[in-house]
């Protein structure tokens, strides 16, 4: 747990769990005294931000995607894990977890709904090294030069080998390129947008995914962090991307092509209801920043129509 956010000791069933010589243990009387008297350090992890997200570009330097969504977090690294590469088995376990995760299921459903049900699961592709992992998911016609749906998961142990690091940088993004794959855009409903954002954030708090990340970082799954926020970038103006959802454009309000959204640290994203409230607030911010009104009503109708 981040000691800047949670007072020490943190007790679970009357015991204070700790890491001792690379393994799980509990604090004895002397250890409890040290934890109680320990001064809270500055909130270093809270200030960490993922590098800026960018839309992929084609050979002419123009955006080659309709839009991109990305979330991520920094996973604390145990001292023992600092000195070792990201193991092949550990990375494969992470890929296996992603291939049974909410983002996989959401993207596959979208492929099927447009009659493009082909799918290549998460696997290593692109720049991979001992301390950098890139896993690619693709959906659409097999053998197509451009896939309309892609997802990319990245794990990065920053700095050179042999240099101690404190966090594992993890990101998960969805890239949508119907315009570039088919020469036509596909309307983005608020229902689909909400489902995609929920799938992204829900994947990084999924039990199997967090267990795989914990194994790679040497951390305990119980203390895994949650996604820091959401980056949403579009190659077109947001009113054009969200057209057909019953939203109203404010005259002369300007527009936007993206948003950098921060997660409320008080929300438990593992809880579906709390995660839904967080996503609602993000979609409202995206809409208002684009000069669009009516998102609150659209979301109310969406949730009232959803099965209990």
C-alpha atoms as a PDB file:
ATOM      1  CA  UNK A   1       0.000   0.000   0.000  1.00  0.00           C
ATOM      2  CA  UNK A   2       1.126   3.550  -0.672  1.00  0.00           C
ATOM      3  CA  UNK A   3       2.110   4.769   2.837  1.00  0.00           C
ATOM      4  CA  UNK A   4       1.320   8.328   1.790  1.00  0.00           C
ATOM      5  CA  UNK A   5      -2.345   7.313   1.370  1.00  0.00           C
ATOM      6  CA  UNK A   6      -2.815   4.586   3.991  1.00  0.00           C
ATOM      7  CA  UNK A   7      -1.691   4.878   7.606  1.00  0.00           C
ATOM      8  CA  UNK A   8       0.642   2.149   8.803  1.00  0.00           C
ATOM      9  CA  UNK A   9       0.243  -0.487   9.967  1.00  0.00           C
ATOM     10  CA  UNK A  10      -2.557  -1.800   7.795  1.00  0.00           C
ATOM     11  CA  UNK A  11      -4.142  -4.742   9.606  1.00  0.00           C
ATOM     12  CA  UNK A  12      -5.844  -7.709   7.946  1.00  0.00           C
ATOM     13  CA  UNK A  13      -7.540  -9.987  10.478  1.00  0.00           C
ATOM     14  CA  UNK A  14      -5.429  -8.444  13.221  1.00  0.00           C
ATOM     15  CA  UNK A  15      -2.057  -8.944  11.486  1.00  0.00           C
ATOM     16  CA  UNK A  16       0.109  -6.485   9.530  1.00  0.00           C
ATOM     17  CA  UNK A  17       1.253  -8.101   6.241  1.00  0.00           C
ATOM     18  CA  UNK A  18       4.756  -7.154   5.105  1.00  0.00           C
ATOM     19  CA  UNK A  19       7.400  -8.246   2.576  1.00  0.00           C
ATOM     20  CA  UNK A  20      10.384  -9.840   4.312  1.00  0.00           C
ATOM     21  CA  UNK A  21      13.398 -11.113   2.324  1.00  0.00           C
ATOM     22  CA  UNK A  22      11.340 -11.390  -0.859  1.00  0.00           C
ATOM     23  CA  UNK A  23       8.436 -13.312   0.675  1.00  0.00           C
ATOM     24  CA  UNK A  24       5.119 -12.573   2.369  1.00  0.00           C
ATOM     25  CA  UNK A  25       5.200 -12.355   6.157  1.00  0.00           C
ATOM     26  CA  UNK A  26       3.568 -10.545   9.073  1.00  0.00           C
ATOM     27  CA  UNK A  27       5.151  -7.979  11.364  1.00  0.00           C
ATOM     28  CA  UNK A  28       6.148  -9.011  14.882  1.00  0.00           C
ATOM     29  CA  UNK A  29       5.856  -6.675  17.934  1.00  0.00           C
ATOM     30  CA  UNK A  30       9.044  -4.800  17.034  1.00  0.00           C
ATOM     31  CA  UNK A  31       7.958  -4.541  13.401  1.00  0.00           C
ATOM     32  CA  UNK A  32       4.583  -3.138  14.426  1.00  0.00           C
ATOM     33  CA  UNK A  33       6.303  -0.505  16.555  1.00  0.00           C
ATOM     34  CA  UNK A  34       8.467   0.549  13.623  1.00  0.00           C
ATOM     35  CA  UNK A  35       5.437   0.801  11.331  1.00  0.00           C
ATOM     36  CA  UNK A  36       3.487   2.862  13.869  1.00  0.00           C
ATOM     37  CA  UNK A  37       6.373   5.304  14.361  1.00  0.00           C
ATOM     38  CA  UNK A  38       7.329   5.483  10.689  1.00  0.00           C
ATOM     39  CA  UNK A  39       6.964   8.924   9.143  1.00  0.00           C
ATOM     40  CA  UNK A  40       4.834   9.011   6.014  1.00  0.00           C
ATOM     41  CA  UNK A  41       7.018   9.549   2.934  1.00  0.00           C
ATOM     42  CA  UNK A  42       6.027  11.948   0.157  1.00  0.00           C
ATOM     43  CA  UNK A  43       3.481  10.599  -2.304  1.00  0.00           C
ATOM     44  CA  UNK A  44       5.934   9.722  -5.055  1.00  0.00           C
ATOM     45  CA  UNK A  45       3.745   7.137  -6.786  1.00  0.00           C
ATOM     46  CA  UNK A  46       0.767   9.480  -6.783  1.00  0.00           C
ATOM     47  CA  UNK A  47       2.730  11.953  -8.893  1.00  0.00           C
ATOM     48  CA  UNK A  48       3.734   9.442 -11.551  1.00  0.00           C
ATOM     49  CA  UNK A  49       2.095   9.919 -14.937  1.00  0.00           C
ATOM     50  CA  UNK A  50       2.225   7.759 -18.032  1.00  0.00           C
ATOM     51  CA  UNK A  51       3.992   9.309 -21.021  1.00  0.00           C
ATOM     52  CA  UNK A  52       1.637  11.296 -23.286  1.00  0.00           C
ATOM     53  CA  UNK A  53      -0.470   9.152 -25.607  1.00  0.00           C
ATOM     54  CA  UNK A  54      -0.314   9.818 -29.356  1.00  0.00           C
ATOM     55  CA  UNK A  55      -2.410   8.670 -32.289  1.00  0.00           C
ATOM     56  CA  UNK A  56      -0.461   6.394 -34.669  1.00  0.00           C
ATOM     57  CA  UNK A  57       0.630   8.086 -37.903  1.00  0.00           C
ATOM     58  CA  UNK A  58       0.821   6.890 -41.499  1.00  0.00           C
ATOM     59  CA  UNK A  59       3.736   7.380 -43.899  1.00  0.00           C
ATOM     60  CA  UNK A  60       2.589  10.946 -44.618  1.00  0.00           C
ATOM     61  CA  UNK A  61       2.557  11.837 -40.946  1.00  0.00           C
ATOM     62  CA  UNK A  62      -1.245  11.893 -40.734  1.00  0.00           C
ATOM     63  CA  UNK A  63      -3.283  10.064 -38.046  1.00  0.00           C
ATOM     64  CA  UNK A  64      -3.910   6.454 -39.070  1.00  0.00           C
ATOM     65  CA  UNK A  65      -6.631   5.763 -36.500  1.00  0.00           C
ATOM     66  CA  UNK A  66     -10.136   7.049 -35.856  1.00  0.00           C
ATOM     67  CA  UNK A  67      -9.488   7.230 -32.129  1.00  0.00           C
ATOM     68  CA  UNK A  68      -7.388   5.792 -29.343  1.00  0.00           C
ATOM     69  CA  UNK A  69      -8.131   5.093 -25.682  1.00  0.00           C
ATOM     70  CA  UNK A  70      -5.447   4.287 -23.126  1.00  0.00           C
ATOM     71  CA  UNK A  71      -5.247   3.645 -19.424  1.00  0.00           C
ATOM     72  CA  UNK A  72      -2.479   2.376 -17.188  1.00  0.00           C
ATOM     73  CA  UNK A  73      -0.766   2.405 -13.828  1.00  0.00           C
ATOM     74  CA  UNK A  74       2.536   1.978 -12.019  1.00  0.00           C
ATOM     75  CA  UNK A  75       2.970  -1.310 -10.164  1.00  0.00           C
ATOM     76  CA  UNK A  76       5.424  -1.297  -7.244  1.00  0.00           C
ATOM     77  CA  UNK A  77       8.441  -3.534  -7.819  1.00  0.00           C
ATOM     78  CA  UNK A  78       9.848  -5.734  -5.096  1.00  0.00           C
ATOM     79  CA  UNK A  79      13.588  -5.361  -4.521  1.00  0.00           C
ATOM     80  CA  UNK A  80      14.247  -8.896  -5.760  1.00  0.00           C
ATOM     81  CA  UNK A  81      12.388  -8.246  -9.027  1.00  0.00           C
ATOM     82  CA  UNK A  82      14.439  -5.131  -9.790  1.00  0.00           C
ATOM     83  CA  UNK A  83      17.416  -7.183 -10.926  1.00  0.00           C
ATOM     84  CA  UNK A  84      15.747  -9.736 -13.162  1.00  0.00           C
ATOM     85  CA  UNK A  85      14.243  -9.543 -16.674  1.00  0.00           C
ATOM     86  CA  UNK A  86      10.532  -9.944 -17.327  1.00  0.00           C
ATOM     87  CA  UNK A  87      10.264 -13.718 -17.525  1.00  0.00           C
ATOM     88  CA  UNK A  88       8.850 -15.457 -20.582  1.00  0.00           C
ATOM     89  CA  UNK A  89       6.454 -17.527 -18.473  1.00  0.00           C
ATOM     90  CA  UNK A  90       5.335 -14.460 -16.550  1.00  0.00           C
ATOM     91  CA  UNK A  91       4.665 -12.514 -19.739  1.00  0.00           C
ATOM     92  CA  UNK A  92       2.780 -15.482 -21.226  1.00  0.00           C
ATOM     93  CA  UNK A  93       0.628 -15.679 -18.084  1.00  0.00           C
ATOM     94  CA  UNK A  94      -0.142 -11.966 -18.529  1.00  0.00           C
ATOM     95  CA  UNK A  95      -1.071 -12.550 -22.198  1.00  0.00           C
ATOM     96  CA  UNK A  96      -3.271 -15.520 -21.246  1.00  0.00           C
ATOM     97  CA  UNK A  97      -5.065 -13.385 -18.645  1.00  0.00           C
ATOM     98  CA  UNK A  98      -5.624 -10.601 -21.196  1.00  0.00           C
ATOM     99  CA  UNK A  99      -7.078 -13.123 -23.647  1.00  0.00           C
ATOM    100  CA  UNK A 100      -9.835 -13.885 -21.152  1.00  0.00           C
ATOM    101  CA  UNK A 101     -10.294 -10.307 -19.958  1.00  0.00           C
ATOM    102  CA  UNK A 102     -13.091  -7.735 -20.382  1.00  0.00           C
ATOM    103  CA  UNK A 103     -11.220  -5.865 -23.128  1.00  0.00           C
ATOM    104  CA  UNK A 104     -10.838  -9.047 -25.193  1.00  0.00           C
ATOM    105  CA  UNK A 105     -14.533  -9.888 -24.888  1.00  0.00           C
ATOM    106  CA  UNK A 106     -15.681  -6.313 -25.623  1.00  0.00           C
ATOM    107  CA  UNK A 107     -13.554  -6.009 -28.767  1.00  0.00           C
ATOM    108  CA  UNK A 108     -14.552  -9.461 -30.017  1.00  0.00           C
ATOM    109  CA  UNK A 109     -18.246  -8.565 -29.594  1.00  0.00           C
ATOM    110  CA  UNK A 110     -17.689  -5.380 -31.596  1.00  0.00           C
ATOM    111  CA  UNK A 111     -15.980  -7.337 -34.382  1.00  0.00           C
ATOM    112  CA  UNK A 112     -18.874  -9.796 -34.482  1.00  0.00           C
ATOM    113  CA  UNK A 113     -21.492  -7.027 -34.534  1.00  0.00           C
ATOM    114  CA  UNK A 114     -20.064  -5.555 -37.749  1.00  0.00           C
ATOM    115  CA  UNK A 115     -19.531  -8.928 -39.398  1.00  0.00           C
ATOM    116  CA  UNK A 116     -15.765  -8.882 -38.890  1.00  0.00           C
ATOM    117  CA  UNK A 117     -15.328 -11.624 -36.331  1.00  0.00           C
ATOM    118  CA  UNK A 118     -11.767 -12.691 -37.090  1.00  0.00           C
ATOM    119  CA  UNK A 119      -9.401 -12.262 -34.156  1.00  0.00           C
ATOM    120  CA  UNK A 120      -5.714 -12.652 -33.328  1.00  0.00           C
ATOM    121  CA  UNK A 121      -5.228 -12.871 -29.554  1.00  0.00           C
ATOM    122  CA  UNK A 122      -2.715 -10.983 -27.433  1.00  0.00           C
ATOM    123  CA  UNK A 123       0.806 -12.104 -28.300  1.00  0.00           C
ATOM    124  CA  UNK A 124       4.268 -10.538 -28.462  1.00  0.00           C
ATOM    125  CA  UNK A 125       4.605  -8.235 -31.454  1.00  0.00           C
ATOM    126  CA  UNK A 126       6.810  -5.255 -32.191  1.00  0.00           C
ATOM    127  CA  UNK A 127       9.507  -3.955 -29.876  1.00  0.00           C
ATOM    128  CA  UNK A 128      10.156  -6.509 -27.102  1.00  0.00           C
ATOM    129  CA  UNK A 129      13.213  -6.775 -24.878  1.00  0.00           C
ATOM    130  CA  UNK A 130      14.199  -8.269 -21.523  1.00  0.00           C
ATOM    131  CA  UNK A 131      12.630  -5.321 -19.699  1.00  0.00           C
ATOM    132  CA  UNK A 132      10.051  -4.170 -22.261  1.00  0.00           C
ATOM    133  CA  UNK A 133       6.981  -6.078 -23.424  1.00  0.00           C
ATOM    134  CA  UNK A 134       4.494  -5.249 -26.168  1.00  0.00           C
ATOM    135  CA  UNK A 135       1.463  -7.516 -26.621  1.00  0.00           C
ATOM    136  CA  UNK A 136      -0.837  -7.000 -29.617  1.00  0.00           C
ATOM    137  CA  UNK A 137      -4.499  -8.000 -30.143  1.00  0.00           C
ATOM    138  CA  UNK A 138      -6.071  -7.576 -33.602  1.00  0.00           C
ATOM    139  CA  UNK A 139      -9.649  -7.964 -34.770  1.00  0.00           C
ATOM    140  CA  UNK A 140     -10.979  -7.956 -38.317  1.00  0.00           C
ATOM    141  CA  UNK A 141     -10.501  -9.845 -41.582  1.00  0.00           C
ATOM    142  CA  UNK A 142      -7.557 -12.246 -41.494  1.00  0.00           C
ATOM    143  CA  UNK A 143      -4.741 -11.073 -43.727  1.00  0.00           C
ATOM    144  CA  UNK A 144      -6.079  -7.517 -43.916  1.00  0.00           C
ATOM    145  CA  UNK A 145      -3.384  -4.832 -44.361  1.00  0.00           C
ATOM    146  CA  UNK A 146      -5.102  -2.774 -41.660  1.00  0.00           C
ATOM    147  CA  UNK A 147      -7.132  -4.199 -38.799  1.00  0.00           C
ATOM    148  CA  UNK A 148     -10.106  -2.063 -37.724  1.00  0.00           C
ATOM    149  CA  UNK A 149      -9.649  -2.943 -34.063  1.00  0.00           C
ATOM    150  CA  UNK A 150      -6.410  -3.337 -32.138  1.00  0.00           C
ATOM    151  CA  UNK A 151      -5.392  -3.419 -28.521  1.00  0.00           C
ATOM    152  CA  UNK A 152      -1.849  -3.012 -27.235  1.00  0.00           C
ATOM    153  CA  UNK A 153      -0.612  -3.894 -23.749  1.00  0.00           C
ATOM    154  CA  UNK A 154       2.808  -2.657 -22.668  1.00  0.00           C
ATOM    155  CA  UNK A 155       4.988  -3.413 -19.661  1.00  0.00           C
ATOM    156  CA  UNK A 156       8.112  -1.392 -19.087  1.00  0.00           C
ATOM    157  CA  UNK A 157      10.799  -1.676 -16.438  1.00  0.00           C
ATOM    158  CA  UNK A 158      12.336   1.776 -16.941  1.00  0.00           C
ATOM    159  CA  UNK A 159      16.077   2.540 -16.875  1.00  0.00           C
ATOM    160  CA  UNK A 160      18.951   0.281 -17.814  1.00  0.00           C
ATOM    161  CA  UNK A 161      19.525  -3.211 -16.461  1.00  0.00           C
ATOM    162  CA  UNK A 162      21.196  -3.129 -13.056  1.00  0.00           C
ATOM    163  CA  UNK A 163      19.634   0.196 -12.083  1.00  0.00           C
ATOM    164  CA  UNK A 164      17.114  -0.095  -9.234  1.00  0.00           C
ATOM    165  CA  UNK A 165      13.552   0.841 -10.172  1.00  0.00           C
ATOM    166  CA  UNK A 166      10.542   1.374  -7.955  1.00  0.00           C
ATOM    167  CA  UNK A 167       7.664   0.778 -10.355  1.00  0.00           C
ATOM    168  CA  UNK A 168       6.619  -1.295 -13.342  1.00  0.00           C
ATOM    169  CA  UNK A 169       4.958   0.889 -15.987  1.00  0.00           C
ATOM    170  CA  UNK A 170       1.836  -0.817 -17.371  1.00  0.00           C
ATOM    171  CA  UNK A 171      -0.462   0.512 -20.089  1.00  0.00           C
ATOM    172  CA  UNK A 172      -3.377  -0.861 -22.100  1.00  0.00           C
ATOM    173  CA  UNK A 173      -4.794   0.903 -25.155  1.00  0.00           C
ATOM    174  CA  UNK A 174      -7.476   0.326 -27.775  1.00  0.00           C
ATOM    175  CA  UNK A 175      -6.954   1.652 -31.315  1.00  0.00           C
ATOM    176  CA  UNK A 176      -9.958   1.955 -33.645  1.00  0.00           C
ATOM    177  CA  UNK A 177      -9.365   2.531 -37.362  1.00  0.00           C
ATOM    178  CA  UNK A 178     -12.572   1.747 -39.309  1.00  0.00           C
ATOM    179  CA  UNK A 179     -12.080   4.777 -41.569  1.00  0.00           C
ATOM    180  CA  UNK A 180      -8.616   3.589 -42.529  1.00  0.00           C
ATOM    181  CA  UNK A 181      -9.544  -0.089 -42.802  1.00  0.00           C
ATOM    182  CA  UNK A 182     -12.836   0.229 -44.692  1.00  0.00           C
ATOM    183  CA  UNK A 183     -12.841   3.792 -46.010  1.00  0.00           C
ATOM    184  CA  UNK A 184     -15.859   4.599 -43.861  1.00  0.00           C
ATOM    185  CA  UNK A 185     -16.423   5.497 -40.276  1.00  0.00           C
ATOM    186  CA  UNK A 186     -18.513   3.430 -37.903  1.00  0.00           C
ATOM    187  CA  UNK A 187     -20.842   5.426 -35.621  1.00  0.00           C
ATOM    188  CA  UNK A 188     -19.649   5.420 -32.022  1.00  0.00           C
ATOM    189  CA  UNK A 189     -22.604   5.113 -29.681  1.00  0.00           C
ATOM    190  CA  UNK A 190     -22.382   6.180 -26.058  1.00  0.00           C
ATOM    191  CA  UNK A 191     -23.267   2.583 -25.202  1.00  0.00           C
ATOM    192  CA  UNK A 192     -20.219   1.294 -27.106  1.00  0.00           C
ATOM    193  CA  UNK A 193     -17.981   4.036 -25.727  1.00  0.00           C
ATOM    194  CA  UNK A 194     -19.014   3.274 -22.153  1.00  0.00           C
ATOM    195  CA  UNK A 195     -18.467  -0.447 -22.740  1.00  0.00           C
ATOM    196  CA  UNK A 196     -14.958   0.130 -24.134  1.00  0.00           C
ATOM    197  CA  UNK A 197     -13.859   2.364 -21.268  1.00  0.00           C
ATOM    198  CA  UNK A 198     -15.335  -0.077 -18.750  1.00  0.00           C
ATOM    199  CA  UNK A 199     -13.507  -2.957 -20.459  1.00  0.00           C
ATOM    200  CA  UNK A 200     -10.171  -1.098 -20.399  1.00  0.00           C
ATOM    201  CA  UNK A 201     -10.284  -0.150 -16.745  1.00  0.00           C
ATOM    202  CA  UNK A 202     -11.971  -3.394 -15.722  1.00  0.00           C
ATOM    203  CA  UNK A 203      -9.197  -5.414 -17.332  1.00  0.00           C
ATOM    204  CA  UNK A 204      -6.459  -3.829 -15.230  1.00  0.00           C
ATOM    205  CA  UNK A 205      -8.341  -4.656 -12.015  1.00  0.00           C
ATOM    206  CA  UNK A 206      -9.308  -8.162 -13.178  1.00  0.00           C
ATOM    207  CA  UNK A 207      -8.107 -10.805 -10.703  1.00  0.00           C
ATOM    208  CA  UNK A 208      -6.157 -12.914 -13.219  1.00  0.00           C
ATOM    209  CA  UNK A 209      -4.524  -9.861 -14.791  1.00  0.00           C
ATOM    210  CA  UNK A 210      -3.462  -8.410 -11.449  1.00  0.00           C
ATOM    211  CA  UNK A 211      -2.130 -11.796 -10.343  1.00  0.00           C
ATOM    212  CA  UNK A 212       0.028 -11.975 -13.482  1.00  0.00           C
ATOM    213  CA  UNK A 213       1.329  -8.438 -12.970  1.00  0.00           C
ATOM    214  CA  UNK A 214       2.013  -9.140  -9.312  1.00  0.00           C
ATOM    215  CA  UNK A 215       4.083 -12.188 -10.264  1.00  0.00           C
ATOM    216  CA  UNK A 216       6.148 -10.099 -12.697  1.00  0.00           C
ATOM    217  CA  UNK A 217       6.747  -7.303 -10.194  1.00  0.00           C
ATOM    218  CA  UNK A 218       7.185  -9.442  -7.082  1.00  0.00           C
ATOM    219  CA  UNK A 219       4.349  -7.544  -5.396  1.00  0.00           C
ATOM    220  CA  UNK A 220       1.421  -9.012  -3.495  1.00  0.00           C
ATOM    221  CA  UNK A 221      -1.845  -9.010  -5.519  1.00  0.00           C
ATOM    222  CA  UNK A 222      -3.590  -7.492  -2.487  1.00  0.00           C
ATOM    223  CA  UNK A 223      -1.639  -4.236  -2.841  1.00  0.00           C
ATOM    224  CA  UNK A 224      -1.911  -3.818  -6.607  1.00  0.00           C
ATOM    225  CA  UNK A 225      -2.726  -0.247  -7.671  1.00  0.00           C
ATOM    226  CA  UNK A 226      -5.609   0.731  -9.932  1.00  0.00           C
ATOM    227  CA  UNK A 227      -5.643   2.622 -13.259  1.00  0.00           C
ATOM    228  CA  UNK A 228      -4.593   6.258 -12.915  1.00  0.00           C
ATOM    229  CA  UNK A 229      -6.934   7.670 -15.535  1.00  0.00           C
ATOM    230  CA  UNK A 230      -7.855   7.614 -19.206  1.00  0.00           C
ATOM    231  CA  UNK A 231      -6.418   9.213 -22.349  1.00  0.00           C
ATOM    232  CA  UNK A 232      -8.919   9.577 -25.207  1.00  0.00           C
ATOM    233  CA  UNK A 233      -7.654  10.941 -28.543  1.00  0.00           C
ATOM    234  CA  UNK A 234      -9.597  11.345 -31.796  1.00  0.00           C
ATOM    235  CA  UNK A 235      -8.447  12.193 -35.336  1.00  0.00           C
ATOM    236  CA  UNK A 236     -11.728  14.089 -35.866  1.00  0.00           C
ATOM    237  CA  UNK A 237     -13.614  16.580 -33.741  1.00  0.00           C
ATOM    238  CA  UNK A 238     -15.487  14.980 -30.860  1.00  0.00           C
ATOM    239  CA  UNK A 239     -18.913  16.239 -32.069  1.00  0.00           C
ATOM    240  CA  UNK A 240     -18.333  14.358 -35.332  1.00  0.00           C
ATOM    241  CA  UNK A 241     -17.154  11.216 -33.524  1.00  0.00           C
ATOM    242  CA  UNK A 242     -20.148  11.238 -31.167  1.00  0.00           C
ATOM    243  CA  UNK A 243     -22.757  12.301 -33.746  1.00  0.00           C
ATOM    244  CA  UNK A 244     -26.081  10.466 -33.577  1.00  0.00           C
ATOM    245  CA  UNK A 245     -26.213  10.125 -29.800  1.00  0.00           C
ATOM    246  CA  UNK A 246     -28.764  12.876 -29.179  1.00  0.00           C
ATOM    247  CA  UNK A 247     -26.167  15.335 -27.916  1.00  0.00           C
ATOM    248  CA  UNK A 248     -26.568  19.065 -28.588  1.00  0.00           C
ATOM    249  CA  UNK A 249     -23.728  21.276 -29.775  1.00  0.00           C
ATOM    250  CA  UNK A 250     -23.363  24.625 -28.019  1.00  0.00           C
ATOM    251  CA  UNK A 251     -23.047  27.316 -30.726  1.00  0.00           C
ATOM    252  CA  UNK A 252     -19.553  28.799 -31.054  1.00  0.00           C
ATOM    253  CA  UNK A 253     -18.311  26.787 -28.055  1.00  0.00           C
ATOM    254  CA  UNK A 254     -15.290  25.408 -29.867  1.00  0.00           C
ATOM    255  CA  UNK A 255     -14.496  21.725 -29.834  1.00  0.00           C
ATOM    256  CA  UNK A 256     -11.846  19.186 -28.827  1.00  0.00           C
ATOM    257  CA  UNK A 257     -10.136  16.104 -30.142  1.00  0.00           C
ATOM    258  CA  UNK A 258      -9.381  14.391 -26.881  1.00  0.00           C
ATOM    259  CA  UNK A 259      -9.176  14.414 -23.148  1.00  0.00           C
ATOM    260  CA  UNK A 260      -6.747  13.427 -20.397  1.00  0.00           C
ATOM    261  CA  UNK A 261      -8.883  12.206 -17.531  1.00  0.00           C
ATOM    262  CA  UNK A 262      -7.796  11.455 -13.976  1.00  0.00           C
ATOM    263  CA  UNK A 263      -9.285   8.708 -11.802  1.00  0.00           C
ATOM    264  CA  UNK A 264     -10.783   9.593  -8.440  1.00  0.00           C
ATOM    265  CA  UNK A 265      -8.479   7.811  -5.927  1.00  0.00           C
ATOM    266  CA  UNK A 266     -11.424   7.370  -3.580  1.00  0.00           C
ATOM    267  CA  UNK A 267     -13.223   5.080  -6.031  1.00  0.00           C
ATOM    268  CA  UNK A 268     -12.657   1.334  -5.939  1.00  0.00           C
ATOM    269  CA  UNK A 269     -12.541   0.435  -9.634  1.00  0.00           C
ATOM    270  CA  UNK A 270     -12.897  -3.258  -8.766  1.00  0.00           C
ATOM    271  CA  UNK A 271     -16.498  -2.497  -7.786  1.00  0.00           C
ATOM    272  CA  UNK A 272     -18.648  -2.379 -10.971  1.00  0.00           C
ATOM    273  CA  UNK A 273     -21.020   0.265  -9.575  1.00  0.00           C
ATOM    274  CA  UNK A 274     -18.191   2.569  -8.481  1.00  0.00           C
ATOM    275  CA  UNK A 275     -16.370   2.040 -11.765  1.00  0.00           C
ATOM    276  CA  UNK A 276     -19.548   2.913 -13.665  1.00  0.00           C
ATOM    277  CA  UNK A 277     -19.865   6.185 -11.729  1.00  0.00           C
ATOM    278  CA  UNK A 278     -16.254   7.028 -12.576  1.00  0.00           C
ATOM    279  CA  UNK A 279     -16.790   6.314 -16.280  1.00  0.00           C
ATOM    280  CA  UNK A 280     -19.982   8.400 -16.271  1.00  0.00           C
ATOM    281  CA  UNK A 281     -18.022  11.375 -14.943  1.00  0.00           C
ATOM    282  CA  UNK A 282     -15.322  10.860 -17.598  1.00  0.00           C
ATOM    283  CA  UNK A 283     -17.848  10.750 -20.449  1.00  0.00           C
ATOM    284  CA  UNK A 284     -19.548  13.868 -19.132  1.00  0.00           C
ATOM    285  CA  UNK A 285     -16.192  15.664 -19.084  1.00  0.00           C
ATOM    286  CA  UNK A 286     -15.376  14.505 -22.625  1.00  0.00           C
ATOM    287  CA  UNK A 287     -18.765  15.758 -23.821  1.00  0.00           C
ATOM    288  CA  UNK A 288     -18.641  19.137 -22.075  1.00  0.00           C
ATOM    289  CA  UNK A 289     -15.069  19.824 -23.205  1.00  0.00           C
ATOM    290  CA  UNK A 290     -16.268  19.240 -26.782  1.00  0.00           C
ATOM    291  CA  UNK A 291     -19.096  21.754 -26.360  1.00  0.00           C
ATOM    292  CA  UNK A 292     -21.764  19.047 -26.238  1.00  0.00           C
ATOM    293  CA  UNK A 293     -24.755  18.960 -23.897  1.00  0.00           C
ATOM    294  CA  UNK A 294     -27.022  16.066 -22.988  1.00  0.00           C
ATOM    295  CA  UNK A 295     -24.531  13.382 -21.922  1.00  0.00           C
ATOM    296  CA  UNK A 296     -26.039  13.103 -18.430  1.00  0.00           C
ATOM    297  CA  UNK A 297     -29.475  12.314 -19.882  1.00  0.00           C
ATOM    298  CA  UNK A 298     -28.026   9.834 -22.387  1.00  0.00           C
ATOM    299  CA  UNK A 299     -26.212   8.020 -19.586  1.00  0.00           C
ATOM    300  CA  UNK A 300     -29.352   7.911 -17.441  1.00  0.00           C
ATOM    301  CA  UNK A 301     -31.240   6.298 -20.323  1.00  0.00           C
ATOM    302  CA  UNK A 302     -28.376   3.886 -20.923  1.00  0.00           C
ATOM    303  CA  UNK A 303     -28.319   2.676 -17.334  1.00  0.00           C
ATOM    304  CA  UNK A 304     -32.091   2.530 -16.976  1.00  0.00           C
ATOM    305  CA  UNK A 305     -32.268   0.264 -20.021  1.00  0.00           C
ATOM    306  CA  UNK A 306     -29.461  -2.013 -18.791  1.00  0.00           C
ATOM    307  CA  UNK A 307     -30.509  -5.324 -17.184  1.00  0.00           C
ATOM    308  CA  UNK A 308     -30.402  -5.307 -13.381  1.00  0.00           C
END
